[in-house]
Amino acid sequence: MRRTIALPVMVVAATLLLAGCVNNTGGSGASSSAGSGNPYGVTKDAALAKTLPDSVAKAGKLTVGIDATYAPNEYKDANGEPIGWDVDLANAIGAKLGVKVEYTISKFDNIIPSITGGRYDLGVSSFTDTVEREKQVDFVNYYNAGVLWAAPKAKTVDPDNACGLKVAVEAGTYEDTDELPAKSKTCTDAGKQAIQVLKFDGQDQATNALVLGQVDAMSADSPITEYAISKQSDKIEAAGKTFDIAPYGIAVNKGAPLTDVVKNTLQALIDDGTYTKILEKWGVQDGGVTAADVNAASKQ
């Protein structure tokens, strides 16, 4: 669950990458429209296209900020192009509106400032919708995800009793800024050792640290942990069950007309079955929603 706070990063030397994945740590700032294919056969909805802001309609594209280190949601293919089910969904939104989708691979913490600064139209990067973030941007809610821990195979780790353990996270995520600090404080308040949080620039690095045995566990969003386990099932396994379920949101500039356009387009994709096809292709349908929403965190 991503956050937007810039935090110091601990870099740990590790060369082993996830099997089937590529190195997603480079390429920040590179733009690409190569991911804007339409494998689901989405057709343009003329009525929805007419609701686009003039600036987007004239440009013929949506500019999207993305941190491509979070497989299977968003990551890079062998050519360095963004892929993942978040990418498929954004592409489908573009196809429904009849515009191209242009991605800029960016550090996660830079995406929201780039939206408020007018550089990106959207942020599509597994953003957890929080009340604090809603002060900066609006969120079109499209999925529900929780937190899931992983540990080395056959090693018993309890996320609710992790005092003194080394736990890997991606810097700036909910797990880094909220979940683990709260758990660690519970430990120290009880006179126990604090949790040692190892922060990495990308989720791929955090996962590698676990695979290499450099940490006792890792904490990440449930679809990310499940994907990592599927790729390294001989080395790591789930530790406990999914908890702290919350909505993901596509980030849009606060009060922008584009928010309702994206919401209505997402709803059209839900209604015509494209949304479900995307989730099923990537095996993440458990967190699917039946209705698009806006700023769900403030409604809870």
C-alpha atoms as a PDB file:
ATOM      1  CA  MET A   1       0.000   0.000   0.000  1.00  0.00           C
ATOM      2  CA  ARG A   2       1.840   3.001  -1.279  1.00  0.00           C
ATOM      3  CA  ARG A   3       2.485   6.274   0.512  1.00  0.00           C
ATOM      4  CA  THR A   4       3.850   9.561  -0.808  1.00  0.00           C
ATOM      5  CA  ILE A   5       6.278  10.540   1.925  1.00  0.00           C
ATOM      6  CA  ALA A   6       9.912  10.703   0.836  1.00  0.00           C
ATOM      7  CA  LEU A   7      11.992   8.632   3.225  1.00  0.00           C
ATOM      8  CA  PRO A   8      15.646   7.626   3.435  1.00  0.00           C
ATOM      9  CA  VAL A   9      16.398   4.375   1.674  1.00  0.00           C
ATOM     10  CA  MET A  10      18.726   1.608   2.814  1.00  0.00           C
ATOM     11  CA  VAL A  11      20.379   0.037  -0.183  1.00  0.00           C
ATOM     12  CA  VAL A  12      21.412  -3.588   0.238  1.00  0.00           C
ATOM     13  CA  ALA A  13      23.653  -5.250  -2.322  1.00  0.00           C
ATOM     14  CA  ALA A  14      21.725  -8.010  -4.033  1.00  0.00           C
ATOM     15  CA  THR A  15      22.043  -9.290  -7.535  1.00  0.00           C
ATOM     16  CA  LEU A  16      19.462 -12.054  -7.538  1.00  0.00           C
ATOM     17  CA  LEU A  17      16.246 -10.958  -9.234  1.00  0.00           C
ATOM     18  CA  LEU A  18      12.866 -12.620  -9.085  1.00  0.00           C
ATOM     19  CA  ALA A  19      12.565 -15.487 -11.505  1.00  0.00           C
ATOM     20  CA  GLY A  20      10.579 -14.320 -14.500  1.00  0.00           C
ATOM     21  CA  CYS A  21      11.065 -10.644 -13.631  1.00  0.00           C
ATOM     22  CA  VAL A  22      13.493  -7.983 -14.805  1.00  0.00           C
ATOM     23  CA  ASN A  23      15.406  -5.298 -12.961  1.00  0.00           C
ATOM     24  CA  ASN A  24      12.876  -2.565 -12.299  1.00  0.00           C
ATOM     25  CA  THR A  25      15.138  -0.169 -10.430  1.00  0.00           C
ATOM     26  CA  GLY A  26      16.264   2.003 -13.320  1.00  0.00           C
ATOM     27  CA  GLY A  27      14.701   4.092 -16.040  1.00  0.00           C
ATOM     28  CA  SER A  28      13.176   6.782 -13.824  1.00  0.00           C
ATOM     29  CA  GLY A  29      11.734   9.568 -15.921  1.00  0.00           C
ATOM     30  CA  ALA A  30      11.587   7.599 -19.165  1.00  0.00           C
ATOM     31  CA  SER A  31       8.358   8.081 -21.142  1.00  0.00           C
ATOM     32  CA  SER A  32       6.698   5.328 -23.103  1.00  0.00           C
ATOM     33  CA  SER A  33       3.472   4.736 -24.946  1.00  0.00           C
ATOM     34  CA  ALA A  34       4.450   1.209 -25.956  1.00  0.00           C
ATOM     35  CA  GLY A  35       2.248  -0.241 -23.232  1.00  0.00           C
ATOM     36  CA  SER A  36      -0.884   1.324 -24.701  1.00  0.00           C
ATOM     37  CA  GLY A  37      -2.058  -1.749 -26.597  1.00  0.00           C
ATOM     38  CA  ASN A  38      -5.632  -2.998 -26.537  1.00  0.00           C
ATOM     39  CA  PRO A  39      -5.583  -6.805 -26.131  1.00  0.00           C
ATOM     40  CA  TYR A  40      -9.095  -6.819 -24.640  1.00  0.00           C
ATOM     41  CA  GLY A  41     -10.774  -5.356 -27.727  1.00  0.00           C
ATOM     42  CA  VAL A  42     -12.078  -2.253 -25.965  1.00  0.00           C
ATOM     43  CA  THR A  43     -13.977   0.089 -28.294  1.00  0.00           C
ATOM     44  CA  LYS A  44     -14.237   3.847 -28.014  1.00  0.00           C
ATOM     45  CA  ASP A  45     -17.311   5.216 -26.259  1.00  0.00           C
ATOM     46  CA  ALA A  46     -18.103   8.459 -28.092  1.00  0.00           C
ATOM     47  CA  ALA A  47     -20.300   9.790 -25.285  1.00  0.00           C
ATOM     48  CA  LEU A  48     -17.556   9.293 -22.689  1.00  0.00           C
ATOM     49  CA  ALA A  49     -14.922  10.733 -25.031  1.00  0.00           C
ATOM     50  CA  LYS A  50     -16.941  13.946 -25.316  1.00  0.00           C
ATOM     51  CA  THR A  51     -16.589  14.455 -21.547  1.00  0.00           C
ATOM     52  CA  LEU A  52     -12.784  14.644 -21.699  1.00  0.00           C
ATOM     53  CA  PRO A  53     -11.259  17.994 -20.728  1.00  0.00           C
ATOM     54  CA  ASP A  54     -10.260  19.990 -23.812  1.00  0.00           C
ATOM     55  CA  SER A  55      -6.558  19.760 -22.926  1.00  0.00           C
ATOM     56  CA  VAL A  56      -6.630  15.955 -22.950  1.00  0.00           C
ATOM     57  CA  ALA A  57      -8.850  15.714 -26.021  1.00  0.00           C
ATOM     58  CA  LYS A  58      -6.580  18.034 -28.016  1.00  0.00           C
ATOM     59  CA  ALA A  59      -3.429  16.207 -26.900  1.00  0.00           C
ATOM     60  CA  GLY A  60      -5.035  12.870 -27.751  1.00  0.00           C
ATOM     61  CA  LYS A  61      -3.391  11.208 -24.781  1.00  0.00           C
ATOM     62  CA  LEU A  62      -3.419  10.701 -21.051  1.00  0.00           C
ATOM     63  CA  THR A  63      -0.058  11.176 -19.310  1.00  0.00           C
ATOM     64  CA  VAL A  64       0.446   8.689 -16.497  1.00  0.00           C
ATOM     65  CA  GLY A  65       3.049   8.532 -13.740  1.00  0.00           C
ATOM     66  CA  ILE A  66       3.975   5.007 -12.691  1.00  0.00           C
ATOM     67  CA  ASP A  67       6.535   3.352 -10.395  1.00  0.00           C
ATOM     68  CA  ALA A  68       7.187   0.122 -12.284  1.00  0.00           C
ATOM     69  CA  THR A  69       8.660  -1.990  -9.460  1.00  0.00           C
ATOM     70  CA  TYR A  70       5.498  -3.569  -8.057  1.00  0.00           C
ATOM     71  CA  ALA A  71       4.791  -6.834  -9.901  1.00  0.00           C
ATOM     72  CA  PRO A  72       2.213  -7.941 -10.881  1.00  0.00           C
ATOM     73  CA  ASN A  73       0.484  -4.568 -10.581  1.00  0.00           C
ATOM     74  CA  GLU A  74       3.062  -2.540 -12.468  1.00  0.00           C
ATOM     75  CA  TYR A  75       6.581  -3.515 -13.478  1.00  0.00           C
ATOM     76  CA  LYS A  76       8.835  -3.675 -16.560  1.00  0.00           C
ATOM     77  CA  ASP A  77       9.040  -6.197 -19.333  1.00  0.00           C
ATOM     78  CA  ALA A  78      12.335  -7.327 -20.873  1.00  0.00           C
ATOM     79  CA  ASN A  79      12.398  -4.166 -23.000  1.00  0.00           C
ATOM     80  CA  GLY A  80      11.903  -1.865 -20.024  1.00  0.00           C
ATOM     81  CA  GLU A  81       8.281  -1.090 -20.912  1.00  0.00           C
ATOM     82  CA  PRO A  82       5.611  -0.912 -18.175  1.00  0.00           C
ATOM     83  CA  ILE A  83       3.333  -3.933 -17.887  1.00  0.00           C
ATOM     84  CA  GLY A  84       0.993  -5.383 -15.259  1.00  0.00           C
ATOM     85  CA  TRP A  85      -2.711  -5.388 -14.534  1.00  0.00           C
ATOM     86  CA  ASP A  86      -2.721  -1.724 -13.474  1.00  0.00           C
ATOM     87  CA  VAL A  87      -1.199  -0.958 -16.886  1.00  0.00           C
ATOM     88  CA  ASP A  88      -3.799  -3.087 -18.660  1.00  0.00           C
ATOM     89  CA  LEU A  89      -6.553  -1.241 -16.804  1.00  0.00           C
ATOM     90  CA  ALA A  90      -5.154   2.205 -17.616  1.00  0.00           C
ATOM     91  CA  ASN A  91      -4.777   1.175 -21.254  1.00  0.00           C
ATOM     92  CA  ALA A  92      -8.393   0.022 -21.297  1.00  0.00           C
ATOM     93  CA  ILE A  93      -9.496   3.392 -19.903  1.00  0.00           C
ATOM     94  CA  GLY A  94      -7.563   5.126 -22.664  1.00  0.00           C
ATOM     95  CA  ALA A  95      -9.064   2.859 -25.338  1.00  0.00           C
ATOM     96  CA  LYS A  96     -12.590   3.483 -24.047  1.00  0.00           C
ATOM     97  CA  LEU A  97     -11.941   7.230 -24.261  1.00  0.00           C
ATOM     98  CA  GLY A  98     -10.226   6.991 -27.642  1.00  0.00           C
ATOM     99  CA  VAL A  99      -6.879   8.411 -26.485  1.00  0.00           C
ATOM    100  CA  LYS A 100      -3.365   7.042 -26.125  1.00  0.00           C
ATOM    101  CA  VAL A 101      -1.810   6.370 -22.725  1.00  0.00           C
ATOM    102  CA  GLU A 102       1.712   7.692 -22.232  1.00  0.00           C
ATOM    103  CA  TYR A 103       3.623   6.433 -19.195  1.00  0.00           C
ATOM    104  CA  THR A 104       6.487   8.072 -17.381  1.00  0.00           C
ATOM    105  CA  ILE A 105       8.354   5.683 -15.079  1.00  0.00           C
ATOM    106  CA  SER A 106       9.025   7.616 -11.903  1.00  0.00           C
ATOM    107  CA  LYS A 107       9.959   7.125  -8.275  1.00  0.00           C
ATOM    108  CA  PHE A 108       6.778   6.589  -6.328  1.00  0.00           C
ATOM    109  CA  ASP A 109       7.240   9.613  -4.083  1.00  0.00           C
ATOM    110  CA  ASN A 110       7.445  11.902  -7.131  1.00  0.00           C
ATOM    111  CA  ILE A 111       4.138  10.908  -8.714  1.00  0.00           C
ATOM    112  CA  ILE A 112       1.630  12.898  -6.657  1.00  0.00           C
ATOM    113  CA  PRO A 113       3.724  16.111  -6.724  1.00  0.00           C
ATOM    114  CA  SER A 114       3.941  15.690 -10.504  1.00  0.00           C
ATOM    115  CA  ILE A 115       0.141  15.409 -10.702  1.00  0.00           C
ATOM    116  CA  THR A 116      -0.445  18.511  -8.606  1.00  0.00           C
ATOM    117  CA  GLY A 117       2.255  20.271 -10.615  1.00  0.00           C
ATOM    118  CA  GLY A 118       0.507  19.476 -13.890  1.00  0.00           C
ATOM    119  CA  ARG A 119       3.082  17.098 -15.347  1.00  0.00           C
ATOM    120  CA  TYR A 120       0.887  13.977 -15.216  1.00  0.00           C
ATOM    121  CA  ASP A 121      -2.847  13.631 -15.763  1.00  0.00           C
ATOM    122  CA  LEU A 122      -3.020  10.463 -13.671  1.00  0.00           C
ATOM    123  CA  GLY A 123      -1.044   8.397 -11.205  1.00  0.00           C
ATOM    124  CA  VAL A 124      -1.511   4.657 -11.690  1.00  0.00           C
ATOM    125  CA  SER A 125       0.747   2.921  -9.187  1.00  0.00           C
ATOM    126  CA  SER A 126      -1.144   0.906  -6.557  1.00  0.00           C
ATOM    127  CA  PHE A 127      -1.936   4.004  -4.519  1.00  0.00           C
ATOM    128  CA  THR A 128      -3.788   3.244  -1.313  1.00  0.00           C
ATOM    129  CA  ASP A 129      -6.502   5.851  -0.897  1.00  0.00           C
ATOM    130  CA  THR A 130      -6.008   7.540   2.486  1.00  0.00           C
ATOM    131  CA  VAL A 131      -7.644  10.591   4.039  1.00  0.00           C
ATOM    132  CA  GLU A 132      -4.245  12.280   4.278  1.00  0.00           C
ATOM    133  CA  ARG A 133      -3.540  11.786   0.590  1.00  0.00           C
ATOM    134  CA  GLU A 134      -6.989  13.023  -0.373  1.00  0.00           C
ATOM    135  CA  LYS A 135      -5.854  16.457   0.811  1.00  0.00           C
ATOM    136  CA  GLN A 136      -3.548  16.528  -2.237  1.00  0.00           C
ATOM    137  CA  VAL A 137      -5.361  14.556  -4.953  1.00  0.00           C
ATOM    138  CA  ASP A 138      -8.620  12.778  -5.691  1.00  0.00           C
ATOM    139  CA  PHE A 139      -8.749   9.006  -6.052  1.00  0.00           C
ATOM    140  CA  VAL A 140     -10.889   6.963  -8.402  1.00  0.00           C
ATOM    141  CA  ASN A 141     -11.206   3.713  -6.475  1.00  0.00           C
ATOM    142  CA  TYR A 142     -10.857   0.507  -8.448  1.00  0.00           C
ATOM    143  CA  TYR A 143      -9.640  -2.339  -6.207  1.00  0.00           C
ATOM    144  CA  ASN A 144      -9.322  -3.510  -2.602  1.00  0.00           C
ATOM    145  CA  ALA A 145      -5.973  -4.803  -1.338  1.00  0.00           C
ATOM    146  CA  GLY A 146      -4.606  -5.773   2.039  1.00  0.00           C
ATOM    147  CA  VAL A 147      -1.225  -6.384   3.650  1.00  0.00           C
ATOM    148  CA  LEU A 148       0.354  -9.831   3.470  1.00  0.00           C
ATOM    149  CA  TRP A 149       3.686 -10.935   4.949  1.00  0.00           C
ATOM    150  CA  ALA A 150       6.063 -13.534   3.537  1.00  0.00           C
ATOM    151  CA  ALA A 151       8.843 -15.454   5.268  1.00  0.00           C
ATOM    152  CA  PRO A 152      11.467 -18.033   4.286  1.00  0.00           C
ATOM    153  CA  LYS A 153      10.082 -21.481   3.602  1.00  0.00           C
ATOM    154  CA  ALA A 154       9.387 -23.447   6.795  1.00  0.00           C
ATOM    155  CA  LYS A 155      10.209 -20.447   9.029  1.00  0.00           C
ATOM    156  CA  THR A 156       7.406 -19.503  11.427  1.00  0.00           C
ATOM    157  CA  VAL A 157       6.818 -15.740  11.501  1.00  0.00           C
ATOM    158  CA  ASP A 158       3.848 -14.062  13.170  1.00  0.00           C
ATOM    159  CA  PRO A 159       3.220 -10.515  11.834  1.00  0.00           C
ATOM    160  CA  ASP A 160       1.612  -9.636  15.157  1.00  0.00           C
ATOM    161  CA  ASN A 161       4.640 -10.807  17.133  1.00  0.00           C
ATOM    162  CA  ALA A 162       7.655  -9.739  15.084  1.00  0.00           C
ATOM    163  CA  CYS A 163       9.653  -7.946  17.762  1.00  0.00           C
ATOM    164  CA  GLY A 164      13.377  -8.021  17.005  1.00  0.00           C
ATOM    165  CA  LEU A 165      12.950  -9.390  13.485  1.00  0.00           C
ATOM    166  CA  LYS A 166      14.381  -7.886  10.302  1.00  0.00           C
ATOM    167  CA  VAL A 167      11.547  -7.024   7.915  1.00  0.00           C
ATOM    168  CA  ALA A 168      11.973  -5.788   4.337  1.00  0.00           C
ATOM    169  CA  VAL A 169       9.661  -3.183   2.794  1.00  0.00           C
ATOM    170  CA  GLU A 170       9.618  -0.815  -0.143  1.00  0.00           C
ATOM    171  CA  ALA A 171      10.387   2.685   1.144  1.00  0.00           C
ATOM    172  CA  GLY A 172       7.396   5.000   1.267  1.00  0.00           C
ATOM    173  CA  THR A 173       4.755   2.275   1.299  1.00  0.00           C
ATOM    174  CA  TYR A 174       1.994   1.978   3.863  1.00  0.00           C
ATOM    175  CA  GLU A 175       3.868  -0.969   5.312  1.00  0.00           C
ATOM    176  CA  ASP A 176       6.923   1.260   5.840  1.00  0.00           C
ATOM    177  CA  THR A 177       5.256   4.425   7.108  1.00  0.00           C
ATOM    178  CA  ASP A 178       2.266   3.084   9.047  1.00  0.00           C
ATOM    179  CA  GLU A 179       2.086  -0.648   9.630  1.00  0.00           C
ATOM    180  CA  LEU A 180       5.611  -1.498  10.817  1.00  0.00           C
ATOM    181  CA  PRO A 181       6.171   1.638  12.925  1.00  0.00           C
ATOM    182  CA  ALA A 182       2.952   0.858  14.809  1.00  0.00           C
ATOM    183  CA  LYS A 183       3.921  -2.780  15.302  1.00  0.00           C
ATOM    184  CA  SER A 184       7.436  -1.810  16.405  1.00  0.00           C
ATOM    185  CA  LYS A 185       6.074   0.697  18.919  1.00  0.00           C
ATOM    186  CA  THR A 186       3.910  -2.014  20.416  1.00  0.00           C
ATOM    187  CA  CYS A 187       7.091  -4.049  20.875  1.00  0.00           C
ATOM    188  CA  THR A 188       9.099  -1.286  22.544  1.00  0.00           C
ATOM    189  CA  ASP A 189       6.151  -0.231  24.724  1.00  0.00           C
ATOM    190  CA  ALA A 190       6.136  -3.791  26.045  1.00  0.00           C
ATOM    191  CA  GLY A 191       9.878  -3.667  26.743  1.00  0.00           C
ATOM    192  CA  LYS A 192      10.735  -5.855  23.758  1.00  0.00           C
ATOM    193  CA  GLN A 193      13.129  -5.273  20.859  1.00  0.00           C
ATOM    194  CA  ALA A 194      12.018  -3.004  18.044  1.00  0.00           C
ATOM    195  CA  ILE A 195      11.367  -4.411  14.586  1.00  0.00           C
ATOM    196  CA  GLN A 196      14.359  -3.761  12.316  1.00  0.00           C
ATOM    197  CA  VAL A 197      12.859  -2.270   9.153  1.00  0.00           C
ATOM    198  CA  LEU A 198      15.038  -2.550   6.049  1.00  0.00           C
ATOM    199  CA  LYS A 199      13.848  -0.088   3.380  1.00  0.00           C
ATOM    200  CA  PHE A 200      14.475  -0.552  -0.324  1.00  0.00           C
ATOM    201  CA  ASP A 201      13.952   1.663  -3.365  1.00  0.00           C
ATOM    202  CA  GLY A 202      11.848  -0.977  -5.127  1.00  0.00           C
ATOM    203  CA  GLN A 203       9.692  -3.897  -4.087  1.00  0.00           C
ATOM    204  CA  ASP A 204      11.805  -6.211  -6.227  1.00  0.00           C
ATOM    205  CA  GLN A 205      14.803  -5.394  -4.016  1.00  0.00           C
ATOM    206  CA  ALA A 206      12.804  -6.038  -0.846  1.00  0.00           C
ATOM    207  CA  THR A 207      11.689  -9.400  -2.173  1.00  0.00           C
ATOM    208  CA  ASN A 208      15.232 -10.301  -3.201  1.00  0.00           C
ATOM    209  CA  ALA A 209      16.440  -9.563   0.330  1.00  0.00           C
ATOM    210  CA  LEU A 210      13.965 -12.128   1.637  1.00  0.00           C
ATOM    211  CA  VAL A 211      14.865 -14.710  -1.018  1.00  0.00           C
ATOM    212  CA  LEU A 212      18.570 -14.250  -0.221  1.00  0.00           C
ATOM    213  CA  GLY A 213      17.954 -14.729   3.499  1.00  0.00           C
ATOM    214  CA  GLN A 214      19.024 -11.195   4.430  1.00  0.00           C
ATOM    215  CA  VAL A 215      15.793 -10.591   6.368  1.00  0.00           C
ATOM    216  CA  ASP A 216      13.345 -12.624   8.421  1.00  0.00           C
ATOM    217  CA  ALA A 217      10.257 -11.465   6.553  1.00  0.00           C
ATOM    218  CA  MET A 218       8.826  -8.894   4.169  1.00  0.00           C
ATOM    219  CA  SER A 219       5.588  -6.951   4.234  1.00  0.00           C
ATOM    220  CA  ALA A 220       3.808  -5.760   1.081  1.00  0.00           C
ATOM    221  CA  ASP A 221       0.380  -5.424  -0.518  1.00  0.00           C
ATOM    222  CA  SER A 222      -1.405  -8.751  -0.814  1.00  0.00           C
ATOM    223  CA  PRO A 223      -1.288  -9.126  -4.638  1.00  0.00           C
ATOM    224  CA  ILE A 224       2.425  -8.269  -4.642  1.00  0.00           C
ATOM    225  CA  THR A 225       3.281 -10.791  -1.922  1.00  0.00           C
ATOM    226  CA  GLU A 226       1.142 -13.471  -3.547  1.00  0.00           C
ATOM    227  CA  TYR A 227       2.907 -12.892  -6.880  1.00  0.00           C
ATOM    228  CA  ALA A 228       6.359 -13.027  -5.267  1.00  0.00           C
ATOM    229  CA  ILE A 229       5.465 -16.308  -3.576  1.00  0.00           C
ATOM    230  CA  SER A 230       4.245 -17.750  -6.882  1.00  0.00           C
ATOM    231  CA  LYS A 231       7.637 -16.961  -8.444  1.00  0.00           C
ATOM    232  CA  GLN A 232       9.748 -18.203  -5.511  1.00  0.00           C
ATOM    233  CA  SER A 233       7.533 -20.859  -3.935  1.00  0.00           C
ATOM    234  CA  ASP A 234      10.542 -23.071  -3.181  1.00  0.00           C
ATOM    235  CA  LYS A 235      12.103 -20.336  -1.043  1.00  0.00           C
ATOM    236  CA  ILE A 236       9.344 -18.215   0.505  1.00  0.00           C
ATOM    237  CA  GLU A 237       5.778 -18.626   1.733  1.00  0.00           C
ATOM    238  CA  ALA A 238       2.959 -16.581   3.249  1.00  0.00           C
ATOM    239  CA  ALA A 239       3.279 -15.666   6.911  1.00  0.00           C
ATOM    240  CA  GLY A 240      -0.227 -15.318   8.308  1.00  0.00           C
ATOM    241  CA  LYS A 241      -3.245 -14.052   6.397  1.00  0.00           C
ATOM    242  CA  THR A 242      -4.135 -10.807   4.606  1.00  0.00           C
ATOM    243  CA  PHE A 243      -5.144  -7.911   6.866  1.00  0.00           C
ATOM    244  CA  ASP A 244      -5.761  -4.126   6.775  1.00  0.00           C
ATOM    245  CA  ILE A 245      -7.784  -4.234   3.547  1.00  0.00           C
ATOM    246  CA  ALA A 246      -8.161  -0.795   1.927  1.00  0.00           C
ATOM    247  CA  PRO A 247      -9.024   0.696  -1.499  1.00  0.00           C
ATOM    248  CA  TYR A 248      -6.583   1.402  -4.299  1.00  0.00           C
ATOM    249  CA  GLY A 249      -7.171   4.580  -6.286  1.00  0.00           C
ATOM    250  CA  ILE A 250      -6.097   6.183  -9.546  1.00  0.00           C
ATOM    251  CA  ALA A 251      -4.735   9.586  -8.523  1.00  0.00           C
ATOM    252  CA  VAL A 252      -6.124  12.691 -10.268  1.00  0.00           C
ATOM    253  CA  ASN A 253      -5.496  16.366  -9.548  1.00  0.00           C
ATOM    254  CA  LYS A 254      -7.759  17.647  -6.776  1.00  0.00           C
ATOM    255  CA  GLY A 255     -11.089  18.896  -8.087  1.00  0.00           C
ATOM    256  CA  ALA A 256     -10.194  18.177 -11.722  1.00  0.00           C
ATOM    257  CA  PRO A 257     -13.038  17.344 -14.179  1.00  0.00           C
ATOM    258  CA  LEU A 258     -10.974  14.333 -15.227  1.00  0.00           C
ATOM    259  CA  THR A 259     -11.878  12.572 -11.965  1.00  0.00           C
ATOM    260  CA  ASP A 260     -15.486  11.996 -12.991  1.00  0.00           C
ATOM    261  CA  VAL A 261     -14.434  11.072 -16.518  1.00  0.00           C
ATOM    262  CA  VAL A 262     -12.131   8.331 -15.204  1.00  0.00           C
ATOM    263  CA  LYS A 263     -14.761   7.140 -12.720  1.00  0.00           C
ATOM    264  CA  ASN A 264     -17.447   6.853 -15.391  1.00  0.00           C
ATOM    265  CA  THR A 265     -15.066   5.149 -17.811  1.00  0.00           C
ATOM    266  CA  LEU A 266     -13.977   2.662 -15.169  1.00  0.00           C
ATOM    267  CA  GLN A 267     -17.626   1.906 -14.434  1.00  0.00           C
ATOM    268  CA  ALA A 268     -18.228   1.278 -18.133  1.00  0.00           C
ATOM    269  CA  LEU A 269     -15.338  -1.213 -18.138  1.00  0.00           C
ATOM    270  CA  ILE A 270     -16.789  -2.923 -15.073  1.00  0.00           C
ATOM    271  CA  ASP A 271     -20.213  -3.107 -16.707  1.00  0.00           C
ATOM    272  CA  ASP A 272     -18.977  -4.509 -20.030  1.00  0.00           C
ATOM    273  CA  GLY A 273     -16.822  -7.182 -18.359  1.00  0.00           C
ATOM    274  CA  THR A 274     -13.407  -5.851 -19.431  1.00  0.00           C
ATOM    275  CA  TYR A 275     -12.416  -5.066 -15.850  1.00  0.00           C
ATOM    276  CA  THR A 276     -13.077  -8.644 -14.726  1.00  0.00           C
ATOM    277  CA  LYS A 277     -11.175 -10.064 -17.706  1.00  0.00           C
ATOM    278  CA  ILE A 278      -8.121  -8.005 -16.752  1.00  0.00           C
ATOM    279  CA  LEU A 279      -8.167  -9.135 -13.131  1.00  0.00           C
ATOM    280  CA  GLU A 280      -8.704 -12.772 -14.089  1.00  0.00           C
ATOM    281  CA  LYS A 281      -5.836 -12.687 -16.587  1.00  0.00           C
ATOM    282  CA  TRP A 282      -3.472 -11.631 -13.800  1.00  0.00           C
ATOM    283  CA  GLY A 283      -5.035 -13.793 -11.094  1.00  0.00           C
ATOM    284  CA  VAL A 284      -5.963 -10.875  -8.813  1.00  0.00           C
ATOM    285  CA  GLN A 285      -9.757 -11.016  -9.018  1.00  0.00           C
ATOM    286  CA  ASP A 286     -10.190 -11.477  -5.265  1.00  0.00           C
ATOM    287  CA  GLY A 287      -9.860  -7.724  -4.728  1.00  0.00           C
ATOM    288  CA  GLY A 288     -12.200  -6.695  -7.530  1.00  0.00           C
ATOM    289  CA  VAL A 289     -15.004  -4.178  -7.044  1.00  0.00           C
ATOM    290  CA  THR A 290     -18.455  -3.937  -8.623  1.00  0.00           C
ATOM    291  CA  ALA A 291     -18.711  -0.153  -8.625  1.00  0.00           C
ATOM    292  CA  ALA A 292     -16.246   2.676  -9.184  1.00  0.00           C
ATOM    293  CA  ASP A 293     -16.014   5.226  -6.380  1.00  0.00           C
ATOM    294  CA  VAL A 294     -14.181   8.448  -5.556  1.00  0.00           C
ATOM    295  CA  ASN A 295     -12.271   9.163  -2.333  1.00  0.00           C
ATOM    296  CA  ALA A 296     -13.569   6.098  -0.532  1.00  0.00           C
ATOM    297  CA  ALA A 297     -11.200   6.569   2.407  1.00  0.00           C
ATOM    298  CA  SER A 298     -12.993   9.696   3.596  1.00  0.00           C
ATOM    299  CA  LYS A 299     -16.323   7.856   3.434  1.00  0.00           C
ATOM    300  CA  GLN A 300     -15.290   5.047   5.741  1.00  0.00           C
END
